[in-house]
């Protein structure tokens, strides 16, 4: 197959949701989005880890205001696992990206 450089592990997008809140790790595993879609005053964020062994947090900047949070890992490494969390509620289990 000419031109195919992604491995099977890299060729998918990781989607997460908790109620109406949602997040995803992009197909190339180089960034994460998080969207608070509930007007409940509970902040939403994604805890994620990279192949370099670092852990980070990406947050929705404005609650249900319409903007989603977007973050590239500061270490420039691929995202290898993530979970979606909501303030005063549970987090989804960590899932491999």
N, C-alpha and C. Protein backbone atom coordinates (compact mmCIF):
# COMPACT_ATOMS: atom_id res chain seq x y z
N UNK A 1 0.83 -1.17 0.00
CA UNK A 1 0.00 0.00 0.00
C UNK A 1 0.88 1.24 0.00
N UNK A 2 0.95 1.93 -1.08
CA UNK A 2 1.79 3.11 -1.18
C UNK A 2 1.17 4.29 -0.46
N UNK A 3 2.00 5.07 0.20
CA UNK A 3 1.54 6.28 0.85
C UNK A 3 0.92 6.08 2.23
N UNK A 4 0.75 4.86 2.67
CA UNK A 4 0.16 4.62 4.00
C UNK A 4 1.28 4.56 5.03
N UNK A 5 1.32 5.54 5.91
CA UNK A 5 2.39 5.58 6.91
C UNK A 5 1.88 5.40 8.32
N UNK A 6 0.58 5.51 8.55
CA UNK A 6 0.04 5.37 9.90
C UNK A 6 -0.08 3.90 10.27
N UNK A 7 0.25 3.59 11.51
CA UNK A 7 0.06 2.23 11.98
C UNK A 7 -1.38 2.05 12.39
N UNK A 8 -1.79 0.82 12.64
CA UNK A 8 -3.17 0.56 13.06
C UNK A 8 -3.50 1.31 14.34
N UNK A 9 -2.55 1.45 15.25
CA UNK A 9 -2.80 2.15 16.51
C UNK A 9 -3.02 3.64 16.29
N UNK A 10 -2.46 4.20 15.22
CA UNK A 10 -2.59 5.63 14.96
C UNK A 10 -3.79 5.95 14.09
N UNK A 11 -4.43 4.98 13.51
CA UNK A 11 -5.42 5.22 12.47
C UNK A 11 -6.84 5.39 12.99
N UNK A 12 -7.01 5.77 14.23
CA UNK A 12 -8.36 5.96 14.75
C UNK A 12 -8.42 7.19 15.64
N UNK A 13 -9.61 7.69 15.79
CA UNK A 13 -9.87 8.81 16.70
C UNK A 13 -10.49 8.23 17.97
N UNK A 14 -10.05 8.70 19.12
CA UNK A 14 -10.61 8.26 20.40
C UNK A 14 -11.70 9.24 20.81
N UNK A 15 -12.95 8.78 20.87
CA UNK A 15 -14.08 9.60 21.29
C UNK A 15 -14.48 9.24 22.71
N UNK A 16 -14.83 10.26 23.51
CA UNK A 16 -15.27 10.06 24.89
C UNK A 16 -16.49 10.93 25.13
N UNK A 17 -17.45 10.44 25.90
CA UNK A 17 -18.56 11.30 26.29
C UNK A 17 -19.03 10.94 27.69
N UNK A 18 -19.60 11.95 28.35
CA UNK A 18 -20.15 11.82 29.69
C UNK A 18 -21.41 12.67 29.70
N UNK A 19 -22.56 12.05 29.57
CA UNK A 19 -23.79 12.82 29.36
C UNK A 19 -23.69 13.52 28.02
N UNK A 20 -23.92 14.84 28.02
CA UNK A 20 -23.81 15.61 26.78
C UNK A 20 -22.42 16.20 26.58
N UNK A 21 -21.54 16.07 27.55
CA UNK A 21 -20.16 16.55 27.43
C UNK A 21 -19.38 15.54 26.59
N UNK A 22 -18.44 16.03 25.79
CA UNK A 22 -17.69 15.11 24.95
C UNK A 22 -16.28 15.63 24.70
N UNK A 23 -15.43 14.70 24.28
CA UNK A 23 -14.04 15.02 23.97
C UNK A 23 -13.53 14.00 22.96
N UNK A 24 -12.43 14.34 22.31
CA UNK A 24 -11.80 13.38 21.42
C UNK A 24 -10.33 13.68 21.27
N UNK A 25 -9.59 12.61 21.05
CA UNK A 25 -8.18 12.67 20.67
C UNK A 25 -8.16 12.51 19.16
N UNK A 26 -7.45 13.38 18.47
CA UNK A 26 -7.45 13.37 17.01
C UNK A 26 -6.84 12.08 16.46
N UNK A 27 -7.13 11.80 15.21
CA UNK A 27 -6.69 10.56 14.56
C UNK A 27 -5.17 10.39 14.59
N UNK A 28 -4.43 11.50 14.52
CA UNK A 28 -2.97 11.40 14.54
C UNK A 28 -2.41 11.40 15.97
N UNK A 29 -3.30 11.49 16.96
CA UNK A 29 -2.94 11.46 18.39
C UNK A 29 -2.04 12.62 18.80
N UNK A 30 -2.15 13.74 18.07
CA UNK A 30 -1.30 14.90 18.35
C UNK A 30 -2.03 16.03 19.05
N UNK A 31 -3.36 15.91 19.25
CA UNK A 31 -4.08 16.95 19.99
C UNK A 31 -5.38 16.37 20.55
N UNK A 32 -5.97 17.14 21.48
CA UNK A 32 -7.21 16.72 22.15
C UNK A 32 -8.17 17.90 22.17
N UNK A 33 -9.45 17.60 22.02
CA UNK A 33 -10.52 18.59 22.13
C UNK A 33 -11.43 18.18 23.28
N UNK A 34 -12.01 19.18 23.97
CA UNK A 34 -12.96 18.91 25.06
C UNK A 34 -14.07 19.97 25.01
N UNK A 35 -15.34 19.49 25.09
CA UNK A 35 -16.49 20.37 24.93
C UNK A 35 -17.48 20.16 26.07
N UNK A 36 -17.75 21.23 26.79
CA UNK A 36 -18.77 21.21 27.83
C UNK A 36 -20.09 21.57 27.16
N UNK A 37 -21.00 20.63 27.14
CA UNK A 37 -22.25 20.83 26.42
C UNK A 37 -23.45 20.85 27.37
N UNK A 38 -23.20 21.08 28.66
CA UNK A 38 -24.27 21.11 29.65
C UNK A 38 -24.19 22.41 30.45
N UNK A 39 -25.30 23.10 30.59
CA UNK A 39 -25.36 24.35 31.35
C UNK A 39 -25.60 24.04 32.83
N UNK A 40 -24.65 23.35 33.46
CA UNK A 40 -24.82 22.91 34.84
C UNK A 40 -23.75 23.49 35.79
N UNK A 41 -22.92 24.40 35.29
CA UNK A 41 -21.84 25.01 36.07
C UNK A 41 -20.82 23.99 36.58
N UNK A 42 -20.71 22.85 35.91
CA UNK A 42 -19.69 21.85 36.23
C UNK A 42 -18.65 21.87 35.12
N UNK A 43 -17.43 22.26 35.45
CA UNK A 43 -16.37 22.29 34.47
C UNK A 43 -16.06 20.91 33.91
N UNK A 44 -15.53 20.87 32.71
CA UNK A 44 -15.20 19.63 32.02
C UNK A 44 -13.75 19.71 31.56
N UNK A 45 -13.03 18.58 31.68
CA UNK A 45 -11.64 18.54 31.25
C UNK A 45 -11.27 17.12 30.83
N UNK A 46 -10.13 17.02 30.16
CA UNK A 46 -9.56 15.74 29.77
C UNK A 46 -8.20 15.60 30.45
N UNK A 47 -8.02 14.51 31.18
CA UNK A 47 -6.69 14.12 31.67
C UNK A 47 -6.10 13.23 30.58
N UNK A 48 -4.86 13.49 30.20
CA UNK A 48 -4.26 12.64 29.18
C UNK A 48 -2.76 12.46 29.43
N UNK A 49 -2.23 11.39 28.87
CA UNK A 49 -0.82 11.04 29.01
C UNK A 49 -0.22 10.88 27.62
N UNK A 50 1.07 11.17 27.53
CA UNK A 50 1.76 11.08 26.25
C UNK A 50 2.78 9.94 26.24
N UNK A 51 3.25 9.64 25.05
CA UNK A 51 4.25 8.58 24.88
C UNK A 51 5.55 8.92 25.60
N UNK A 52 5.79 10.20 25.86
CA UNK A 52 6.99 10.62 26.59
C UNK A 52 6.84 10.45 28.09
N UNK A 53 5.65 10.01 28.54
CA UNK A 53 5.44 9.75 29.96
C UNK A 53 4.93 10.92 30.77
N UNK A 54 4.53 12.00 30.12
CA UNK A 54 4.01 13.16 30.82
C UNK A 54 2.49 13.13 30.87
N UNK A 55 1.92 13.76 31.89
CA UNK A 55 0.46 13.87 32.04
C UNK A 55 0.07 15.34 31.96
N UNK A 56 -1.05 15.61 31.29
CA UNK A 56 -1.54 16.97 31.10
C UNK A 56 -3.05 17.03 31.28
N UNK A 57 -3.58 18.25 31.35
CA UNK A 57 -5.01 18.49 31.46
C UNK A 57 -5.40 19.51 30.40
N UNK A 58 -6.45 19.20 29.64
CA UNK A 58 -7.03 20.14 28.68
C UNK A 58 -8.44 20.47 29.17
N UNK A 59 -8.79 21.76 29.21
CA UNK A 59 -10.09 22.19 29.73
C UNK A 59 -10.90 22.92 28.67
N UNK A 60 -12.23 22.84 28.81
CA UNK A 60 -13.11 23.69 28.02
C UNK A 60 -13.01 25.08 28.65
N UNK A 61 -12.69 26.11 27.85
CA UNK A 61 -12.42 27.43 28.43
C UNK A 61 -13.64 28.22 28.90
N UNK A 62 -14.83 27.88 28.42
CA UNK A 62 -15.96 28.75 28.72
C UNK A 62 -17.24 28.01 29.11
N UNK A 63 -17.12 26.80 29.60
CA UNK A 63 -18.32 26.05 29.94
C UNK A 63 -19.19 25.85 28.71
N UNK A 64 -20.47 25.99 28.85
CA UNK A 64 -21.37 25.78 27.72
C UNK A 64 -21.43 26.99 26.80
N UNK A 65 -20.45 27.85 26.86
CA UNK A 65 -20.44 29.07 26.06
C UNK A 65 -20.31 28.88 24.57
N UNK A 66 -20.01 27.69 24.10
CA UNK A 66 -19.94 27.46 22.67
C UNK A 66 -18.55 27.12 22.15
N UNK A 67 -17.51 27.47 22.90
CA UNK A 67 -16.16 27.14 22.47
C UNK A 67 -15.71 25.84 23.13
N UNK A 68 -15.01 25.03 22.40
CA UNK A 68 -14.40 23.81 22.95
C UNK A 68 -12.94 24.10 23.25
N UNK A 69 -12.39 23.38 24.22
CA UNK A 69 -10.97 23.48 24.49
C UNK A 69 -10.20 22.63 23.49
N UNK A 70 -9.00 23.07 23.13
CA UNK A 70 -8.13 22.33 22.21
C UNK A 70 -6.71 22.48 22.70
N UNK A 71 -5.98 21.37 22.73
CA UNK A 71 -4.61 21.44 23.24
C UNK A 71 -3.72 20.44 22.50
N UNK A 72 -2.51 20.90 22.20
CA UNK A 72 -1.45 20.03 21.73
C UNK A 72 -0.59 19.71 22.95
N UNK A 73 -0.14 18.48 23.12
CA UNK A 73 0.72 18.17 24.27
C UNK A 73 1.96 19.08 24.28
N UNK A 74 2.23 19.73 25.39
CA UNK A 74 3.39 20.61 25.46
C UNK A 74 4.72 19.92 25.16
N UNK A 75 4.79 18.60 25.39
CA UNK A 75 6.05 17.90 25.12
C UNK A 75 6.18 17.47 23.66
N UNK A 76 5.15 17.74 22.82
CA UNK A 76 5.21 17.41 21.41
C UNK A 76 5.03 15.93 21.09
N UNK A 77 4.73 15.15 22.09
CA UNK A 77 4.62 13.70 21.94
C UNK A 77 3.19 13.29 21.61
N UNK A 78 3.02 12.06 21.15
CA UNK A 78 1.70 11.51 20.85
C UNK A 78 0.93 11.24 22.15
N UNK A 79 -0.38 11.42 22.10
CA UNK A 79 -1.26 11.09 23.22
C UNK A 79 -1.50 9.58 23.19
N UNK A 80 -1.30 8.93 24.34
CA UNK A 80 -1.44 7.47 24.39
C UNK A 80 -2.64 7.01 25.21
N UNK A 81 -3.16 7.86 26.10
CA UNK A 81 -4.38 7.50 26.84
C UNK A 81 -5.03 8.76 27.35
N UNK A 82 -6.35 8.66 27.58
CA UNK A 82 -7.10 9.86 27.99
C UNK A 82 -8.38 9.44 28.70
N UNK A 83 -8.92 10.39 29.47
CA UNK A 83 -10.24 10.22 30.09
C UNK A 83 -10.89 11.58 30.18
N UNK A 84 -12.22 11.59 30.16
CA UNK A 84 -13.03 12.81 30.26
C UNK A 84 -13.56 12.92 31.68
N UNK A 85 -13.44 14.10 32.29
CA UNK A 85 -13.90 14.33 33.66
C UNK A 85 -14.84 15.53 33.72
N UNK A 86 -15.76 15.46 34.69
CA UNK A 86 -16.67 16.57 34.95
C UNK A 86 -16.62 16.90 36.44
N UNK A 87 -16.52 18.20 36.74
CA UNK A 87 -16.51 18.68 38.13
C UNK A 87 -17.76 18.17 38.85
N UNK A 88 -17.58 17.71 40.08
CA UNK A 88 -18.67 17.19 40.92
C UNK A 88 -19.33 15.94 40.33
N UNK A 89 -18.63 15.25 39.46
CA UNK A 89 -19.15 14.01 38.85
C UNK A 89 -17.96 13.08 38.64
N UNK A 90 -18.21 11.98 38.01
CA UNK A 90 -17.16 10.99 37.77
C UNK A 90 -16.37 11.30 36.51
N UNK A 91 -15.23 10.63 36.39
CA UNK A 91 -14.45 10.60 35.17
C UNK A 91 -14.76 9.30 34.43
N UNK A 92 -14.65 9.34 33.12
CA UNK A 92 -14.72 8.10 32.38
C UNK A 92 -13.44 7.31 32.69
N UNK A 93 -13.42 6.02 32.46
CA UNK A 93 -12.16 5.29 32.64
C UNK A 93 -11.11 5.76 31.62
N UNK A 94 -9.85 5.64 31.99
CA UNK A 94 -8.79 5.91 31.01
C UNK A 94 -8.92 4.91 29.88
N UNK A 95 -8.75 5.41 28.66
CA UNK A 95 -8.77 4.55 27.49
C UNK A 95 -7.51 4.78 26.67
N UNK A 96 -6.99 3.73 26.09
CA UNK A 96 -5.83 3.88 25.21
C UNK A 96 -6.23 4.58 23.94
N UNK A 97 -5.38 5.50 23.52
CA UNK A 97 -5.66 6.26 22.30
C UNK A 97 -5.01 5.60 21.09
